[in-house]
Amino acid sequence: MNDKAWPRVLPFALFMAVIGMEEGLRFMDGKAWISVQDSTFALFYPLKPLLAGIALFMCRRAYTELRWADLIRGMQTLGSIALGLTVFALWINMDWTFGALSEPPGFNPGIFADPDLRLAMTFIRIGSAVIIVPIMEELFWRSFILRYVINPDFTKVPLGTFTWISFLVGAVLFGLGHHFILAGIMAGMAYSWLLYRTRSLAQCILSHAVTNLALAAFVLNTEKWWFW
């Protein structure tokens, strides 16, 4: 892996490492090797965006393909928002159990008895989903993986270059990174399609953020925590 890959991989790797730690504790708790309270598991939520956010900030100068000025393209931006809402609508109707790796643990802020802590954790969860995750994942999946599959020297591949192999591999791997695999594959295809259409990573981040914001509002309104 060349030096230019690390800034796009590191935030995602740190985020996933914390998830791995959490899953390891859940496994040991399930085996009764240790005893861990639900509130302890939930405290992993602020750690994930904190580490990923620090890595994104430290590596920010490396993301030359990310042009926030792209968002002033009015029609493209409206299209990105519409796509994000469409992905959300499909996502909440694709929660089929045969498309899930396991029963999603979800995030229920109600496990925190203290109302101030409950509110703080809710805001952290929303901020992570709407700000950190879209930037982190789009840099990793759409900027790095889609191009790396085409050529390991990925910087030689123009952003938004289409091949069937990279499109399908990227979508499947993106799906496998989510509890609802089929919904994840659908979302991966949608965001990749947007990249091919706009050649803009910023538009993909916006669309992804809109999906996650709509999902957060839906979860808080319906208390269907398994979507979180």
C-alpha atoms as a PDB file:
ATOM      1  CA  MET A   1       0.000   0.000   0.000  1.00  0.00           C
ATOM      2  CA  ASN A   2       1.523   3.300  -1.055  1.00  0.00           C
ATOM      3  CA  ASP A   3       1.845   6.376   1.128  1.00  0.00           C
ATOM      4  CA  LYS A   4      -1.113   8.084  -0.542  1.00  0.00           C
ATOM      5  CA  ALA A   5      -3.448   5.274   0.507  1.00  0.00           C
ATOM      6  CA  TRP A   6      -2.947   5.621   4.252  1.00  0.00           C
ATOM      7  CA  PRO A   7      -4.803   8.930   4.719  1.00  0.00           C
ATOM      8  CA  ARG A   8      -7.882   7.320   3.137  1.00  0.00           C
ATOM      9  CA  VAL A   9      -7.525   4.022   4.985  1.00  0.00           C
ATOM     10  CA  LEU A  10      -6.500   5.130   8.485  1.00  0.00           C
ATOM     11  CA  PRO A  11      -9.745   6.844   9.631  1.00  0.00           C
ATOM     12  CA  PHE A  12     -11.799   3.878   8.433  1.00  0.00           C
ATOM     13  CA  ALA A  13      -9.375   1.390  10.020  1.00  0.00           C
ATOM     14  CA  LEU A  14      -9.516   3.146  13.389  1.00  0.00           C
ATOM     15  CA  PHE A  15     -13.314   3.254  13.279  1.00  0.00           C
ATOM     16  CA  MET A  16     -13.493  -0.458  12.460  1.00  0.00           C
ATOM     17  CA  ALA A  17     -10.898  -1.316  15.113  1.00  0.00           C
ATOM     18  CA  VAL A  18     -13.156   0.125  17.813  1.00  0.00           C
ATOM     19  CA  ILE A  19     -16.064  -1.886  16.401  1.00  0.00           C
ATOM     20  CA  GLY A  20     -13.841  -4.972  16.574  1.00  0.00           C
ATOM     21  CA  MET A  21     -13.038  -4.251  20.221  1.00  0.00           C
ATOM     22  CA  GLU A  22     -16.741  -3.865  20.972  1.00  0.00           C
ATOM     23  CA  GLU A  23     -17.649  -7.104  19.184  1.00  0.00           C
ATOM     24  CA  GLY A  24     -14.875  -8.909  21.042  1.00  0.00           C
ATOM     25  CA  LEU A  25     -16.267  -7.760  24.371  1.00  0.00           C
ATOM     26  CA  ARG A  26     -19.785  -8.762  23.301  1.00  0.00           C
ATOM     27  CA  PHE A  27     -18.514 -12.231  22.410  1.00  0.00           C
ATOM     28  CA  MET A  28     -16.758 -12.668  25.741  1.00  0.00           C
ATOM     29  CA  ASP A  29     -19.790 -11.296  27.585  1.00  0.00           C
ATOM     30  CA  GLY A  30     -22.026 -13.767  25.724  1.00  0.00           C
ATOM     31  CA  LYS A  31     -19.725 -16.618  26.752  1.00  0.00           C
ATOM     32  CA  ALA A  32     -19.916 -15.393  30.378  1.00  0.00           C
ATOM     33  CA  TRP A  33     -16.134 -15.001  30.410  1.00  0.00           C
ATOM     34  CA  ILE A  34     -16.628 -11.409  31.523  1.00  0.00           C
ATOM     35  CA  SER A  35     -19.601  -9.295  32.572  1.00  0.00           C
ATOM     36  CA  VAL A  36     -20.174  -6.022  30.713  1.00  0.00           C
ATOM     37  CA  GLN A  37     -23.090  -3.631  31.148  1.00  0.00           C
ATOM     38  CA  ASP A  38     -24.998  -2.324  28.114  1.00  0.00           C
ATOM     39  CA  SER A  39     -24.031   1.231  28.978  1.00  0.00           C
ATOM     40  CA  THR A  40     -20.365   0.250  28.722  1.00  0.00           C
ATOM     41  CA  PHE A  41     -20.886  -0.969  25.155  1.00  0.00           C
ATOM     42  CA  ALA A  42     -22.617   2.278  24.253  1.00  0.00           C
ATOM     43  CA  LEU A  43     -19.598   4.263  25.392  1.00  0.00           C
ATOM     44  CA  PHE A  44     -17.755   2.897  22.366  1.00  0.00           C
ATOM     45  CA  TYR A  45     -19.880   5.231  20.230  1.00  0.00           C
ATOM     46  CA  PRO A  46     -18.004   8.442  21.082  1.00  0.00           C
ATOM     47  CA  LEU A  47     -14.651   6.661  20.732  1.00  0.00           C
ATOM     48  CA  LYS A  48     -15.282   5.670  17.107  1.00  0.00           C
ATOM     49  CA  PRO A  49     -15.970   9.153  15.695  1.00  0.00           C
ATOM     50  CA  LEU A  50     -13.328  10.703  17.956  1.00  0.00           C
ATOM     51  CA  LEU A  51     -10.502   8.564  16.594  1.00  0.00           C
ATOM     52  CA  ALA A  52     -11.732   8.749  12.994  1.00  0.00           C
ATOM     53  CA  GLY A  53     -12.281  12.496  13.267  1.00  0.00           C
ATOM     54  CA  ILE A  54      -8.765  13.097  14.589  1.00  0.00           C
ATOM     55  CA  ALA A  55      -7.313  11.025  11.734  1.00  0.00           C
ATOM     56  CA  LEU A  56      -9.386  12.921   9.142  1.00  0.00           C
ATOM     57  CA  PHE A  57      -8.242  16.248  10.536  1.00  0.00           C
ATOM     58  CA  MET A  58      -4.590  15.220  10.656  1.00  0.00           C
ATOM     59  CA  CYS A  59      -4.699  13.929   7.066  1.00  0.00           C
ATOM     60  CA  ARG A  60      -6.932  16.672   5.647  1.00  0.00           C
ATOM     61  CA  ARG A  61      -4.272  18.088   3.305  1.00  0.00           C
ATOM     62  CA  ALA A  62      -3.982  14.719   1.546  1.00  0.00           C
ATOM     63  CA  TYR A  63      -7.577  14.750   0.304  1.00  0.00           C
ATOM     64  CA  THR A  64      -6.940  16.732  -2.850  1.00  0.00           C
ATOM     65  CA  GLU A  65      -9.805  14.973  -4.642  1.00  0.00           C
ATOM     66  CA  LEU A  66     -12.320  16.389  -2.153  1.00  0.00           C
ATOM     67  CA  ARG A  67     -13.623  19.740  -3.433  1.00  0.00           C
ATOM     68  CA  TRP A  68     -16.348  21.210  -1.228  1.00  0.00           C
ATOM     69  CA  ALA A  69     -16.913  23.942  -3.823  1.00  0.00           C
ATOM     70  CA  ASP A  70     -18.663  21.273  -5.920  1.00  0.00           C
ATOM     71  CA  LEU A  71     -21.682  21.728  -3.666  1.00  0.00           C
ATOM     72  CA  ILE A  72     -22.485  25.105  -5.220  1.00  0.00           C
ATOM     73  CA  ARG A  73     -23.615  23.256  -8.351  1.00  0.00           C
ATOM     74  CA  GLY A  74     -27.306  23.701  -7.617  1.00  0.00           C
ATOM     75  CA  MET A  75     -28.878  20.980  -9.743  1.00  0.00           C
ATOM     76  CA  GLN A  76     -26.234  18.404  -8.849  1.00  0.00           C
ATOM     77  CA  THR A  77     -26.623  19.182  -5.166  1.00  0.00           C
ATOM     78  CA  LEU A  78     -30.405  18.847  -5.338  1.00  0.00           C
ATOM     79  CA  GLY A  79     -29.934  15.544  -7.124  1.00  0.00           C
ATOM     80  CA  SER A  80     -27.533  14.350  -4.422  1.00  0.00           C
ATOM     81  CA  ILE A  81     -30.038  15.250  -1.710  1.00  0.00           C
ATOM     82  CA  ALA A  82     -32.813  13.456  -3.578  1.00  0.00           C
ATOM     83  CA  LEU A  83     -30.655  10.363  -3.989  1.00  0.00           C
ATOM     84  CA  GLY A  84     -29.808  10.401  -0.288  1.00  0.00           C
ATOM     85  CA  LEU A  85     -33.494  10.459   0.607  1.00  0.00           C
ATOM     86  CA  THR A  86     -34.196   7.673  -1.887  1.00  0.00           C
ATOM     87  CA  VAL A  87     -31.491   5.488  -0.335  1.00  0.00           C
ATOM     88  CA  PHE A  88     -33.024   6.151   3.093  1.00  0.00           C
ATOM     89  CA  ALA A  89     -36.505   5.161   1.891  1.00  0.00           C
ATOM     90  CA  LEU A  90     -35.174   1.944   0.388  1.00  0.00           C
ATOM     91  CA  TRP A  91     -32.966   1.197   3.405  1.00  0.00           C
ATOM     92  CA  ILE A  92     -35.791   1.138   5.946  1.00  0.00           C
ATOM     93  CA  ASN A  93     -37.713  -1.221   3.674  1.00  0.00           C
ATOM     94  CA  MET A  94     -34.769  -3.602   3.164  1.00  0.00           C
ATOM     95  CA  ASP A  95     -34.344  -4.780   6.767  1.00  0.00           C
ATOM     96  CA  TRP A  96     -34.788  -8.418   5.773  1.00  0.00           C
ATOM     97  CA  THR A  97     -33.215 -10.831   8.228  1.00  0.00           C
ATOM     98  CA  PHE A  98     -31.727 -13.001   5.495  1.00  0.00           C
ATOM     99  CA  GLY A  99     -29.829  -9.918   4.389  1.00  0.00           C
ATOM    100  CA  ALA A 100     -28.265  -9.308   7.787  1.00  0.00           C
ATOM    101  CA  LEU A 101     -25.021 -10.646   9.208  1.00  0.00           C
ATOM    102  CA  SER A 102     -26.581 -10.888  12.661  1.00  0.00           C
ATOM    103  CA  GLU A 103     -29.294  -9.318  14.751  1.00  0.00           C
ATOM    104  CA  PRO A 104     -28.347  -5.606  14.714  1.00  0.00           C
ATOM    105  CA  PRO A 105     -27.564  -4.458  18.271  1.00  0.00           C
ATOM    106  CA  GLY A 106     -28.676  -0.916  17.499  1.00  0.00           C
ATOM    107  CA  PHE A 107     -28.103   2.111  19.671  1.00  0.00           C
ATOM    108  CA  ASN A 108     -30.761   2.964  22.223  1.00  0.00           C
ATOM    109  CA  PRO A 109     -29.893   6.133  24.180  1.00  0.00           C
ATOM    110  CA  GLY A 110     -32.561   5.145  26.713  1.00  0.00           C
ATOM    111  CA  ILE A 111     -30.042   2.871  28.426  1.00  0.00           C
ATOM    112  CA  PHE A 112     -28.483   5.978  29.952  1.00  0.00           C
ATOM    113  CA  ALA A 113     -30.365   6.900  33.103  1.00  0.00           C
ATOM    114  CA  ASP A 114     -28.906  10.392  33.316  1.00  0.00           C
ATOM    115  CA  PRO A 115     -30.857  12.677  30.935  1.00  0.00           C
ATOM    116  CA  ASP A 116     -27.862  14.915  30.194  1.00  0.00           C
ATOM    117  CA  LEU A 117     -25.696  11.932  29.292  1.00  0.00           C
ATOM    118  CA  ARG A 118     -28.535  10.494  27.199  1.00  0.00           C
ATOM    119  CA  LEU A 119     -28.843  13.754  25.260  1.00  0.00           C
ATOM    120  CA  ALA A 120     -25.079  14.053  24.799  1.00  0.00           C
ATOM    121  CA  MET A 121     -24.774  10.479  23.505  1.00  0.00           C
ATOM    122  CA  THR A 122     -27.660  11.063  21.107  1.00  0.00           C
ATOM    123  CA  PHE A 123     -25.989  14.161  19.670  1.00  0.00           C
ATOM    124  CA  ILE A 124     -22.687  12.301  19.381  1.00  0.00           C
ATOM    125  CA  ARG A 125     -24.433   9.452  17.551  1.00  0.00           C
ATOM    126  CA  ILE A 126     -26.114  11.858  15.119  1.00  0.00           C
ATOM    127  CA  GLY A 127     -22.932  13.881  14.597  1.00  0.00           C
ATOM    128  CA  SER A 128     -20.952  10.739  13.908  1.00  0.00           C
ATOM    129  CA  ALA A 129     -23.517   9.443  11.400  1.00  0.00           C
ATOM    130  CA  VAL A 130     -23.999  12.740   9.576  1.00  0.00           C
ATOM    131  CA  ILE A 131     -20.476  14.220   9.588  1.00  0.00           C
ATOM    132  CA  ILE A 132     -17.697  11.739  10.371  1.00  0.00           C
ATOM    133  CA  VAL A 133     -19.054   8.563   8.764  1.00  0.00           C
ATOM    134  CA  PRO A 134     -19.960  10.028   5.344  1.00  0.00           C
ATOM    135  CA  ILE A 135     -16.572  11.714   4.963  1.00  0.00           C
ATOM    136  CA  MET A 136     -14.644   8.698   6.249  1.00  0.00           C
ATOM    137  CA  GLU A 137     -16.543   6.116   4.202  1.00  0.00           C
ATOM    138  CA  GLU A 138     -16.673   8.054   0.946  1.00  0.00           C
ATOM    139  CA  LEU A 139     -12.921   8.683   1.099  1.00  0.00           C
ATOM    140  CA  PHE A 140     -12.330   4.995   1.737  1.00  0.00           C
ATOM    141  CA  TRP A 141     -14.915   3.368  -0.525  1.00  0.00           C
ATOM    142  CA  ARG A 142     -15.520   5.774  -3.389  1.00  0.00           C
ATOM    143  CA  SER A 143     -12.129   7.491  -3.572  1.00  0.00           C
ATOM    144  CA  PHE A 144      -9.803   4.640  -2.584  1.00  0.00           C
ATOM    145  CA  ILE A 145     -11.404   1.224  -3.093  1.00  0.00           C
ATOM    146  CA  LEU A 146     -13.162   1.950  -6.408  1.00  0.00           C
ATOM    147  CA  ARG A 147      -9.872   3.146  -7.877  1.00  0.00           C
ATOM    148  CA  TYR A 148      -7.623   0.607  -6.113  1.00  0.00           C
ATOM    149  CA  VAL A 149      -9.544  -2.307  -7.650  1.00  0.00           C
ATOM    150  CA  ILE A 150      -8.779  -0.849 -11.086  1.00  0.00           C
ATOM    151  CA  ASN A 151      -5.133  -0.120 -10.345  1.00  0.00           C
ATOM    152  CA  PRO A 152      -3.254  -0.541  -7.017  1.00  0.00           C
ATOM    153  CA  ASP A 153      -1.515   2.714  -7.888  1.00  0.00           C
ATOM    154  CA  PHE A 154      -4.936   4.289  -7.444  1.00  0.00           C
ATOM    155  CA  THR A 155      -3.868   7.918  -7.817  1.00  0.00           C
ATOM    156  CA  LYS A 156      -3.308   7.233 -11.525  1.00  0.00           C
ATOM    157  CA  VAL A 157      -7.025   6.443 -11.904  1.00  0.00           C
ATOM    158  CA  PRO A 158      -9.232   9.528 -12.338  1.00  0.00           C
ATOM    159  CA  LEU A 159     -11.924   9.866  -9.679  1.00  0.00           C
ATOM    160  CA  GLY A 160     -15.212   8.443 -10.937  1.00  0.00           C
ATOM    161  CA  THR A 161     -13.684   6.021 -13.446  1.00  0.00           C
ATOM    162  CA  PHE A 162     -16.188   3.214 -14.112  1.00  0.00           C
ATOM    163  CA  THR A 163     -15.484  -0.490 -14.516  1.00  0.00           C
ATOM    164  CA  TRP A 164     -17.941  -3.258 -13.777  1.00  0.00           C
ATOM    165  CA  ILE A 165     -15.458  -5.079 -11.555  1.00  0.00           C
ATOM    166  CA  SER A 166     -14.744  -2.091  -9.324  1.00  0.00           C
ATOM    167  CA  PHE A 167     -18.423  -1.132  -9.208  1.00  0.00           C
ATOM    168  CA  LEU A 168     -19.571  -4.612  -8.123  1.00  0.00           C
ATOM    169  CA  VAL A 169     -16.665  -5.310  -5.772  1.00  0.00           C
ATOM    170  CA  GLY A 170     -17.081  -1.915  -4.121  1.00  0.00           C
ATOM    171  CA  ALA A 171     -20.839  -2.386  -3.673  1.00  0.00           C
ATOM    172  CA  VAL A 172     -20.547  -5.908  -2.223  1.00  0.00           C
ATOM    173  CA  LEU A 173     -17.772  -4.960   0.190  1.00  0.00           C
ATOM    174  CA  PHE A 174     -19.693  -1.869   1.259  1.00  0.00           C
ATOM    175  CA  GLY A 175     -22.727  -4.071   1.910  1.00  0.00           C
ATOM    176  CA  LEU A 176     -20.691  -6.543   3.959  1.00  0.00           C
ATOM    177  CA  GLY A 177     -19.641  -3.662   6.183  1.00  0.00           C
ATOM    178  CA  HIS A 178     -23.247  -3.176   7.325  1.00  0.00           C
ATOM    179  CA  HIS A 179     -25.648  -5.340   9.305  1.00  0.00           C
ATOM    180  CA  PHE A 180     -28.239  -5.208   6.540  1.00  0.00           C
ATOM    181  CA  ILE A 181     -26.062  -6.487   3.719  1.00  0.00           C
ATOM    182  CA  LEU A 182     -28.524  -6.122   0.859  1.00  0.00           C
ATOM    183  CA  ALA A 183     -29.429  -2.593   1.901  1.00  0.00           C
ATOM    184  CA  GLY A 184     -25.724  -1.808   2.126  1.00  0.00           C
ATOM    185  CA  ILE A 185     -25.100  -3.123  -1.372  1.00  0.00           C
ATOM    186  CA  MET A 186     -27.953  -0.980  -2.658  1.00  0.00           C
ATOM    187  CA  ALA A 187     -26.512   2.110  -0.959  1.00  0.00           C
ATOM    188  CA  GLY A 188     -23.015   1.349  -2.233  1.00  0.00           C
ATOM    189  CA  MET A 189     -24.320   1.116  -5.785  1.00  0.00           C
ATOM    190  CA  ALA A 190     -26.259   4.357  -5.402  1.00  0.00           C
ATOM    191  CA  TYR A 191     -23.349   6.417  -4.076  1.00  0.00           C
ATOM    192  CA  SER A 192     -20.985   4.967  -6.688  1.00  0.00           C
ATOM    193  CA  TRP A 193     -23.474   5.825  -9.439  1.00  0.00           C
ATOM    194  CA  LEU A 194     -23.576   9.376  -8.106  1.00  0.00           C
ATOM    195  CA  LEU A 195     -19.787   9.554  -8.274  1.00  0.00           C
ATOM    196  CA  TYR A 196     -19.813   8.380 -11.884  1.00  0.00           C
ATOM    197  CA  ARG A 197     -22.406  11.001 -12.744  1.00  0.00           C
ATOM    198  CA  THR A 198     -20.864  13.970 -10.926  1.00  0.00           C
ATOM    199  CA  ARG A 199     -17.159  13.092 -10.585  1.00  0.00           C
ATOM    200  CA  SER A 200     -17.507  14.731  -7.193  1.00  0.00           C
ATOM    201  CA  LEU A 201     -16.673  13.117  -3.867  1.00  0.00           C
ATOM    202  CA  ALA A 202     -18.285  16.065  -2.070  1.00  0.00           C
ATOM    203  CA  GLN A 203     -21.623  15.246  -3.706  1.00  0.00           C
ATOM    204  CA  CYS A 204     -21.307  11.632  -2.529  1.00  0.00           C
ATOM    205  CA  ILE A 205     -20.564  12.794   1.012  1.00  0.00           C
ATOM    206  CA  LEU A 206     -23.595  15.081   0.946  1.00  0.00           C
ATOM    207  CA  SER A 207     -25.878  12.321  -0.318  1.00  0.00           C
ATOM    208  CA  HIS A 208     -24.555   9.876   2.271  1.00  0.00           C
ATOM    209  CA  ALA A 209     -25.009  12.483   5.031  1.00  0.00           C
ATOM    210  CA  VAL A 210     -28.620  13.124   3.950  1.00  0.00           C
ATOM    211  CA  THR A 211     -29.356   9.395   4.128  1.00  0.00           C
ATOM    212  CA  ASN A 212     -27.896   9.141   7.614  1.00  0.00           C
ATOM    213  CA  LEU A 213     -29.646  12.283   8.846  1.00  0.00           C
ATOM    214  CA  ALA A 214     -33.003  11.039   7.587  1.00  0.00           C
ATOM    215  CA  LEU A 215     -32.337   7.652   9.181  1.00  0.00           C
ATOM    216  CA  ALA A 216     -31.456   9.304  12.509  1.00  0.00           C
ATOM    217  CA  ALA A 217     -34.694  11.315  12.471  1.00  0.00           C
ATOM    218  CA  PHE A 218     -36.651   8.180  11.601  1.00  0.00           C
ATOM    219  CA  VAL A 219     -35.062   6.124  14.381  1.00  0.00           C
ATOM    220  CA  LEU A 220     -35.587   8.783  17.033  1.00  0.00           C
ATOM    221  CA  ASN A 221     -39.204   9.225  15.956  1.00  0.00           C
ATOM    222  CA  THR A 222     -40.094   5.529  15.718  1.00  0.00           C
ATOM    223  CA  GLU A 223     -37.649   4.078  18.298  1.00  0.00           C
ATOM    224  CA  LYS A 224     -36.652   1.381  15.807  1.00  0.00           C
ATOM    225  CA  TRP A 225     -33.191   1.259  17.308  1.00  0.00           C
ATOM    226  CA  TRP A 226     -32.003  -1.689  15.219  1.00  0.00           C
ATOM    227  CA  PHE A 227     -31.513   0.706  12.304  1.00  0.00           C
ATOM    228  CA  TRP A 228     -28.815   2.442  14.362  1.00  0.00           C
END
